[in-house]
C-alpha atoms as a PDB file:
ATOM      1  CA  MET A   1      -1.566  -7.853  -3.701  1.00  0.00           C
ATOM      2  CA  GLN A   2      -1.098  -5.974  -6.911  1.00  0.00           C
ATOM      3  CA  VAL A   3      -1.431  -2.577  -7.804  1.00  0.00           C
ATOM      4  CA  ALA A   4      -3.451  -0.977 -10.789  1.00  0.00           C
ATOM      5  CA  GLU A   5      -3.416   2.770 -11.759  1.00  0.00           C
ATOM      6  CA  GLN A   6      -6.651   4.409 -10.796  1.00  0.00           C
ATOM      7  CA  THR A   7      -8.857   5.486 -13.568  1.00  0.00           C
ATOM      8  CA  SER A   8     -11.487   7.960 -13.090  1.00  0.00           C
ATOM      9  CA  VAL A   9     -14.426   8.611 -16.060  1.00  0.00           C
ATOM     10  CA  LYS A  10     -16.028  11.864 -16.587  1.00  0.00           C
ATOM     11  CA  LYS A  11     -19.805  11.428 -17.045  1.00  0.00           C
ATOM     12  CA  VAL A  12     -20.936  12.101 -20.653  1.00  0.00           C
ATOM     13  CA  THR A  13     -24.245  13.346 -21.288  1.00  0.00           C
ATOM     14  CA  ILE A  14     -25.950  13.014 -24.576  1.00  0.00           C
ATOM     15  CA  LYS A  15     -29.046  15.442 -25.356  1.00  0.00           C
ATOM     16  CA  LYS A  16     -31.635  14.244 -28.008  1.00  0.00           C
ATOM     17  CA  PRO A  17     -31.528  16.372 -31.201  1.00  0.00           C
ATOM     18  CA  ALA A  18     -34.495  18.833 -31.830  1.00  0.00           C
ATOM     19  CA  THR A  19     -36.130  18.691 -35.064  1.00  0.00           C
ATOM     20  CA  ALA A  20     -34.126  20.556 -37.612  1.00  0.00           C
ATOM     21  CA  ARG A  21     -31.535  21.163 -35.156  1.00  0.00           C
ATOM     22  CA  LYS A  22     -27.781  21.519 -36.134  1.00  0.00           C
ATOM     23  CA  PRO A  23     -26.270  18.589 -33.713  1.00  0.00           C
ATOM     24  CA  LYS A  24     -23.359  19.503 -31.507  1.00  0.00           C
ATOM     25  CA  ALA A  25     -20.019  18.276 -32.173  1.00  0.00           C
ATOM     26  CA  ALA A  26     -19.454  14.864 -30.322  1.00  0.00           C
ATOM     27  CA  LYS A  27     -18.169  15.408 -26.593  1.00  0.00           C
ATOM     28  CA  THR A  28     -15.452  12.781 -25.526  1.00  0.00           C
ATOM     29  CA  VAL A  29     -14.823  11.136 -22.370  1.00  0.00           C
ATOM     30  CA  SER A  30     -12.152  12.664 -20.282  1.00  0.00           C
ATOM     31  CA  ASN A  31      -9.692  11.790 -17.713  1.00  0.00           C
ATOM     32  CA  LYS A  32      -8.144   8.700 -19.413  1.00  0.00           C
ATOM     33  CA  ALA A  33      -6.195   6.444 -17.327  1.00  0.00           C
ATOM     34  CA  SER A  34      -2.678   7.727 -16.859  1.00  0.00           C
ATOM     35  CA  PRO A  35       0.378   6.240 -14.808  1.00  0.00           C
ATOM     36  CA  LYS A  36       1.202   7.784 -11.603  1.00  0.00           C
ATOM     37  CA  LYS A  37       4.492   8.784 -10.553  1.00  0.00           C
ATOM     38  CA  ALA A  38       6.243   5.384  -8.915  1.00  0.00           C
ATOM     39  CA  THR A  39       6.248   4.879  -5.450  1.00  0.00           C
ATOM     40  CA  ALA A  40       7.496   2.263  -2.928  1.00  0.00           C
ATOM     41  CA  ALA A  41       4.513   0.078  -3.568  1.00  0.00           C
ATOM     42  CA  THR A  42       4.816  -0.076  -7.496  1.00  0.00           C
ATOM     43  CA  LYS A  43       8.340  -0.638  -7.823  1.00  0.00           C
ATOM     44  CA  SER A  44       8.335  -4.674  -8.105  1.00  0.00           C
ATOM     45  CA  PRO A  45       8.010  -6.056 -11.467  1.00  0.00           C
ATOM     46  CA  THR A  46       4.901  -7.969 -10.634  1.00  0.00           C
ATOM     47  CA  VAL A  47       3.331  -4.675  -9.556  1.00  0.00           C
ATOM     48  CA  ARG A  48       4.774  -2.912 -12.844  1.00  0.00           C
ATOM     49  CA  LYS A  49       3.025  -5.574 -15.322  1.00  0.00           C
ATOM     50  CA  ALA A  50      -0.178  -4.998 -13.268  1.00  0.00           C
ATOM     51  CA  VAL A  51       0.052  -1.331 -13.903  1.00  0.00           C
ATOM     52  CA  VAL A  52       0.688  -1.626 -17.644  1.00  0.00           C
ATOM     53  CA  ALA A  53      -2.223  -4.482 -18.034  1.00  0.00           C
ATOM     54  CA  THR A  54      -4.471  -1.874 -16.339  1.00  0.00           C
ATOM     55  CA  ASN A  55      -3.432   1.136 -18.199  1.00  0.00           C
ATOM     56  CA  ASN A  56      -3.813  -1.099 -21.618  1.00  0.00           C
ATOM     57  CA  GLN A  57      -7.337  -2.237 -20.663  1.00  0.00           C
ATOM     58  CA  ALA A  58      -8.183   1.301 -19.873  1.00  0.00           C
ATOM     59  CA  SER A  59      -6.829   2.559 -22.872  1.00  0.00           C
ATOM     60  CA  ALA A  60      -8.755   0.086 -25.131  1.00  0.00           C
ATOM     61  CA  SER A  61     -12.010   0.902 -23.209  1.00  0.00           C
ATOM     62  CA  GLN A  62     -11.246   4.526 -23.734  1.00  0.00           C
ATOM     63  CA  LYS A  63     -10.680   4.253 -27.412  1.00  0.00           C
ATOM     64  CA  ALA A  64     -14.261   2.133 -27.512  1.00  0.00           C
ATOM     65  CA  ALA A  65     -16.100   4.871 -25.709  1.00  0.00           C
ATOM     66  CA  ASP A  66     -14.736   7.850 -27.954  1.00  0.00           C
ATOM     67  CA  LYS A  67     -15.803   5.413 -31.061  1.00  0.00           C
ATOM     68  CA  ALA A  68     -19.363   4.783 -29.516  1.00  0.00           C
ATOM     69  CA  ILE A  69     -19.662   8.781 -28.758  1.00  0.00           C
ATOM     70  CA  ALA A  70     -18.775   9.184 -32.224  1.00  0.00           C
ATOM     71  CA  ALA A  71     -21.227   6.963 -33.754  1.00  0.00           C
ATOM     72  CA  VAL A  72     -23.665   8.793 -31.659  1.00  0.00           C
ATOM     73  CA  ALA A  73     -22.738  12.282 -32.833  1.00  0.00           C
ATOM     74  CA  LYS A  74     -23.259  10.564 -36.631  1.00  0.00           C
ATOM     75  CA  ALA A  75     -26.636   9.079 -35.506  1.00  0.00           C
ATOM     76  CA  GLU A  76     -27.617  12.407 -34.377  1.00  0.00           C
ATOM     77  CA  VAL A  77     -26.886  14.148 -37.523  1.00  0.00           C
ATOM     78  CA  VAL A  78     -28.998  11.453 -39.330  1.00  0.00           C
ATOM     79  CA  LEU A  79     -31.811  11.801 -37.312  1.00  0.00           C
ATOM     80  CA  ALA A  80     -31.999  15.866 -37.549  1.00  0.00           C
ATOM     81  CA  LYS A  81     -31.511  15.459 -41.593  1.00  0.00           C
ATOM     82  CA  ALA A  82     -34.460  12.840 -41.289  1.00  0.00           C
ATOM     83  CA  SER A  83     -36.534  14.986 -39.126  1.00  0.00           C
ATOM     84  CA  ALA A  84     -36.216  18.014 -41.222  1.00  0.00           C
ATOM     85  CA  LYS A  85     -36.760  16.241 -44.392  1.00  0.00           C
ATOM     86  CA  LYS A  86     -40.060  14.687 -42.523  1.00  0.00           C
ATOM     87  CA  ALA A  87     -41.187  18.134 -41.433  1.00  0.00           C
ATOM     88  CA  GLN A  88     -40.886  19.602 -44.959  1.00  0.00           C
ATOM     89  CA  LEU A  89     -42.913  16.493 -46.512  1.00  0.00           C
ATOM     90  CA  ALA A  90     -45.347  16.883 -43.759  1.00  0.00           C
ATOM     91  CA  ILE A  91     -45.877  21.071 -44.540  1.00  0.00           C
ATOM     92  CA  LYS A  92     -45.842  19.888 -48.424  1.00  0.00           C
ATOM     93  CA  ALA A  93     -48.462  17.133 -47.624  1.00  0.00           C
ATOM     94  CA  LYS A  94     -50.841  19.750 -46.248  1.00  0.00           C
ATOM     95  CA  THR A  95     -51.125  21.524 -49.543  1.00  0.00           C
ATOM     96  CA  SER A  96     -50.750  18.164 -52.121  1.00  0.00           C
ATOM     97  CA  ASN A  97     -52.715  14.952 -52.038  1.00  0.00           C
ATOM     98  CA  SER A  98     -50.387  13.508 -54.854  1.00  0.00           C
ATOM     99  CA  ALA A  99     -49.623   9.758 -53.929  1.00  0.00           C
ATOM    100  CA  THR A 100     -45.988  10.516 -54.534  1.00  0.00           C
ATOM    101  CA  THR A 101     -45.913  13.159 -51.695  1.00  0.00           C
ATOM    102  CA  LYS A 102     -48.127  10.610 -49.621  1.00  0.00           C
ATOM    103  CA  ASN A 103     -45.453   8.035 -49.985  1.00  0.00           C
ATOM    104  CA  GLN A 104     -42.383  10.182 -49.566  1.00  0.00           C
ATOM    105  CA  LEU A 105     -44.080  11.565 -46.295  1.00  0.00           C
ATOM    106  CA  ILE A 106     -44.448   7.473 -45.196  1.00  0.00           C
ATOM    107  CA  ALA A 107     -40.849   6.958 -46.277  1.00  0.00           C
ATOM    108  CA  ALA A 108     -39.485  10.082 -44.556  1.00  0.00           C
ATOM    109  CA  ARG A 109     -41.332   9.186 -41.127  1.00  0.00           C
ATOM    110  CA  ALA A 110     -39.854   5.510 -41.649  1.00  0.00           C
ATOM    111  CA  ALA A 111     -36.278   7.242 -42.095  1.00  0.00           C
ATOM    112  CA  VAL A 112     -36.944   9.223 -38.918  1.00  0.00           C
ATOM    113  CA  ALA A 113     -37.953   5.855 -36.982  1.00  0.00           C
ATOM    114  CA  LYS A 114     -35.219   4.025 -38.158  1.00  0.00           C
ATOM    115  CA  ALA A 115     -32.593   6.958 -37.544  1.00  0.00           C
ATOM    116  CA  ARG A 116     -33.920   7.292 -33.964  1.00  0.00           C
ATOM    117  CA  ALA A 117     -33.604   3.713 -33.448  1.00  0.00           C
ATOM    118  CA  ALA A 118     -29.960   3.867 -34.388  1.00  0.00           C
ATOM    119  CA  LEU A 119     -29.474   6.589 -32.109  1.00  0.00           C
ATOM    120  CA  THR A 120     -31.047   4.484 -29.167  1.00  0.00           C
ATOM    121  CA  ASP A 121     -28.834   1.882 -30.098  1.00  0.00           C
ATOM    122  CA  ALA A 122     -25.468   3.910 -30.181  1.00  0.00           C
ATOM    123  CA  LYS A 123     -26.287   5.483 -26.765  1.00  0.00           C
ATOM    124  CA  LYS A 124     -26.537   2.196 -25.482  1.00  0.00           C
ATOM    125  CA  VAL A 125     -23.007   1.332 -26.548  1.00  0.00           C
ATOM    126  CA  VAL A 126     -21.829   4.328 -24.995  1.00  0.00           C
ATOM    127  CA  ARG A 127     -23.439   3.611 -21.719  1.00  0.00           C
ATOM    128  CA  ALA A 128     -21.810  -0.064 -21.907  1.00  0.00           C
ATOM    129  CA  ALA A 129     -18.188   1.565 -22.681  1.00  0.00           C
ATOM    130  CA  LYS A 130     -18.870   4.067 -19.856  1.00  0.00           C
ATOM    131  CA  PHE A 131     -19.810   0.980 -17.540  1.00  0.00           C
ATOM    132  CA  ASP A 132     -16.304  -0.688 -18.530  1.00  0.00           C
ATOM    133  CA  LEU A 133     -14.550   2.426 -17.653  1.00  0.00           C
ATOM    134  CA  LYS A 134     -16.197   2.740 -14.258  1.00  0.00           C
ATOM    135  CA  VAL A 135     -15.643  -1.002 -13.721  1.00  0.00           C
ATOM    136  CA  ILE A 136     -11.933  -0.381 -14.875  1.00  0.00           C
ATOM    137  CA  ALA A 137     -11.462   2.518 -12.553  1.00  0.00           C
ATOM    138  CA  THR A 138     -13.168   0.968  -9.406  1.00  0.00           C
ATOM    139  CA  GLU A 139     -10.795  -2.147  -9.664  1.00  0.00           C
ATOM    140  CA  ALA A 140      -8.107  -0.016  -9.968  1.00  0.00           C
ATOM    141  CA  ALA A 141      -9.204   1.976  -6.842  1.00  0.00           C
ATOM    142  CA  LEU A 142      -9.434  -0.930  -4.766  1.00  0.00           C
ATOM    143  CA  THR A 143      -5.936  -2.328  -5.814  1.00  0.00           C
ATOM    144  CA  ALA A 144      -4.200   0.652  -5.451  1.00  0.00           C
ATOM    145  CA  LYS A 145      -5.744   0.381  -1.899  1.00  0.00           C
ATOM    146  CA  SER A 146      -4.511  -2.644  -1.531  1.00  0.00           C
ATOM    147  CA  ALA A 147      -1.136  -1.819  -2.369  1.00  0.00           C
ATOM    148  CA  LYS A 148      -1.161   1.475  -0.255  1.00  0.00           C
ATOM    149  CA  ALA A 149      -1.673  -1.208   2.647  1.00  0.00           C
ATOM    150  CA  ASP A 150       0.649  -3.608   1.556  1.00  0.00           C
ATOM    151  CA  ALA A 151       3.519  -1.116   1.399  1.00  0.00           C
ATOM    152  CA  THR A 152       2.335   0.155   4.607  1.00  0.00           C
ATOM    153  CA  VAL A 153       2.676  -3.319   6.446  1.00  0.00           C
ATOM    154  CA  LYS A 154       6.020  -3.695   4.659  1.00  0.00           C
ATOM    155  CA  ALA A 155       7.314  -0.096   6.021  1.00  0.00           C
ATOM    156  CA  LEU A 156       5.937  -1.387   9.593  1.00  0.00           C
ATOM    157  CA  ALA A 157       7.797  -4.601   9.037  1.00  0.00           C
ATOM    158  CA  ASP A 158      11.028  -2.857   8.242  1.00  0.00           C
ATOM    159  CA  THR A 159      10.624  -0.453  11.125  1.00  0.00           C
ATOM    160  CA  LEU A 160      10.109  -3.037  13.605  1.00  0.00           C
ATOM    161  CA  ALA A 161      12.950  -5.320  12.176  1.00  0.00           C
ATOM    162  CA  ALA A 162      15.226  -2.689  12.611  1.00  0.00           C
ATOM    163  CA  LYS A 163      14.112  -1.533  15.970  1.00  0.00           C
ATOM    164  CA  GLN A 164      14.388  -5.264  16.986  1.00  0.00           C
ATOM    165  CA  LYS A 165      18.151  -5.207  16.599  1.00  0.00           C
ATOM    166  CA  ALA A 166      18.476  -1.725  18.397  1.00  0.00           C
ATOM    167  CA  ASP A 167      16.212  -3.027  21.430  1.00  0.00           C
ATOM    168  CA  LEU A 168      18.157  -6.550  21.168  1.00  0.00           C
ATOM    169  CA  ALA A 169      21.597  -4.691  21.558  1.00  0.00           C
ATOM    170  CA  LYS A 170      20.155  -2.641  24.278  1.00  0.00           C
ATOM    171  CA  ALA A 171      18.563  -5.412  26.445  1.00  0.00           C
ATOM    172  CA  LEU A 172      21.864  -7.307  25.929  1.00  0.00           C
ATOM    173  CA  ALA A 173      23.643  -4.311  27.358  1.00  0.00           C
ATOM    174  CA  ALA A 174      21.506  -3.950  30.360  1.00  0.00           C
ATOM    175  CA  PHE A 175      21.403  -7.808  31.043  1.00  0.00           C
ATOM    176  CA  GLU A 176      25.427  -7.618  30.625  1.00  0.00           C
ATOM    177  CA  SER A 177      25.595  -4.814  33.075  1.00  0.00           C
ATOM    178  CA  LYS A 178      23.208  -6.164  35.723  1.00  0.00           C
ATOM    179  CA  TRP A 179      25.260 -10.033  35.281  1.00  0.00           C
ATOM    180  CA  LEU A 180      28.650  -8.232  35.924  1.00  0.00           C
ATOM    181  CA  ALA A 181      27.088  -6.044  38.947  1.00  0.00           C
ATOM    182  CA  ALA A 182      25.636  -9.352  40.408  1.00  0.00           C
ATOM    183  CA  ARG A 183      29.028 -11.666  39.716  1.00  0.00           C
ATOM    184  CA  ALA A 184      31.271  -8.660  41.252  1.00  0.00           C
ATOM    185  CA  ARG A 185      29.114  -8.737  44.529  1.00  0.00           C
ATOM    186  CA  ARG A 186      29.166 -12.471  44.417  1.00  0.00           C
ATOM    187  CA  ASN A 187      33.197 -12.363  43.644  1.00  0.00           C
ATOM    188  CA  ALA A 188      33.337  -9.695  46.446  1.00  0.00           C
ATOM    189  CA  ARG A 189      31.627 -12.156  48.816  1.00  0.00           C
ATOM    190  CA  LYS A 190      33.840 -14.767  48.328  1.00  0.00           C
ATOM    191  CA  LEU A 191      37.044 -12.624  48.659  1.00  0.00           C
ATOM    192  CA  LYS A 192      35.967 -11.400  51.784  1.00  0.00           C
ATOM    193  CA  LEU A 193      35.103 -15.009  53.267  1.00  0.00           C
ATOM    194  CA  ALA A 194      38.615 -16.346  51.598  1.00  0.00           C
ATOM    195  CA  GLU A 195      40.535 -13.454  53.204  1.00  0.00           C
ATOM    196  CA  LYS A 196      38.579 -14.123  56.603  1.00  0.00           C
ATOM    197  CA  LYS A 197      39.578 -17.758  56.490  1.00  0.00           C
ATOM    198  CA  ALA A 198      43.369 -16.592  55.730  1.00  0.00           C
ATOM    199  CA  LEU A 199      43.271 -14.143  58.391  1.00  0.00           C
ATOM    200  CA  ALA A 200      42.117 -16.943  60.920  1.00  0.00           C
ATOM    201  CA  LYS A 201      44.527 -19.222  59.715  1.00  0.00           C
ATOM    202  CA  THR A 202      47.288 -16.872  60.331  1.00  0.00           C
ATOM    203  CA  ALA A 203      46.072 -16.062  63.799  1.00  0.00           C
ATOM    204  CA  ALA A 204      46.200 -19.771  64.616  1.00  0.00           C
ATOM    205  CA  ALA A 205      49.438 -20.189  63.294  1.00  0.00           C
ATOM    206  CA  ALA A 206      50.615 -17.202  65.096  1.00  0.00           C
ATOM    207  CA  LYS A 207      49.226 -18.314  68.023  1.00  0.00           C
ATOM    208  CA  LYS A 208      50.885 -21.854  68.058  1.00  0.00           C
ATOM    209  CA  ILE A 209      54.075 -20.028  67.139  1.00  0.00           C
ATOM    210  CA  LYS A 210      54.161 -17.778  69.980  1.00  0.00           C
ATOM    211  CA  ALA A 211      52.913 -20.657  72.285  1.00  0.00           C
ATOM    212  CA  LYS A 212      55.824 -22.557  70.987  1.00  0.00           C
ATOM    213  CA  VAL A 213      58.337 -19.519  71.331  1.00  0.00           C
ATOM    214  CA  SER A 214      57.283 -19.038  75.010  1.00  0.00           C
ATOM    215  CA  ALA A 215      57.704 -22.651  75.916  1.00  0.00           C
ATOM    216  CA  LEU A 216      61.150 -22.568  74.283  1.00  0.00           C
ATOM    217  CA  ASN A 217      61.942 -19.331  76.376  1.00  0.00           C
ATOM    218  CA  LYS A 218      61.089 -21.020  79.544  1.00  0.00           C
ATOM    219  CA  ALA A 219      62.970 -24.449  78.679  1.00  0.00           C
ATOM    220  CA  LYS A 220      65.715 -22.027  78.162  1.00  0.00           C
ATOM    221  CA  VAL A 221      65.383 -20.359  81.315  1.00  0.00           C
ATOM    222  CA  THR A 222      65.056 -23.168  83.333  1.00  0.00           C
ATOM    223  CA  LYS A 223      68.306 -24.883  81.990  1.00  0.00           C
ATOM    224  CA  SER A 224      70.249 -21.922  82.848  1.00  0.00           C
ATOM    225  CA  LYS A 225      69.108 -21.925  86.205  1.00  0.00           C
ATOM    226  CA  VAL A 226      69.895 -25.875  86.500  1.00  0.00           C
ATOM    227  CA  ASN A 227      73.246 -24.904  85.052  1.00  0.00           C
ATOM    228  CA  LYS A 228      74.019 -22.358  87.568  1.00  0.00           C
ATOM    229  CA  ALA A 229      72.963 -24.460  90.414  1.00  0.00           C
ATOM    230  CA  LYS A 230      75.531 -27.266  89.464  1.00  0.00           C
ATOM    231  CA  ALA A 231      78.314 -24.665  89.362  1.00  0.00           C
END
């Protein structure tokens, strides 16, 4: 997922001008898109390109909105002047029945209608520009959340990978200790059995030797008695 900077747009309200009222200065759309401090989720080249693209788009839409708002302010001035002129001619027409005055009043009314239509069109352009900014802000918010989710998953993956190594080392150490203990017990049993067999063999050999020595001693005694008898 890619990251786009979040853009918030402040609502702009445009009041209709009263007749012969001096129009207020044009308002501007604030909170332009501005890049935020780089985080772990906005360091990759792909993400940086997405951020730049979104900022450029927001900047272009902001300029369009500012231009449209200026057009509304200008249209308000034209409508105010046309309305003031029509009001003056309406007053004059009450005291003058000349064709010139009547024609001027008709022209003034047409100018007011034209100025009002121009103002309506200008306001439509402002609404469209504001809508574009709102779309950019919404898309930026969504992609920012996606980037945050990606960063969270990546951080978790890194943590799990590190923990996996530690757990593996711990498991290997535990297995090694258990295996060595089992092997030591097995070796001890084998040694005990070998020692028992060796002792049995030694005892058997000693018994045979003892019997042989006893037989030799008996033979020696017997021979000695025979020799004495002969003498």
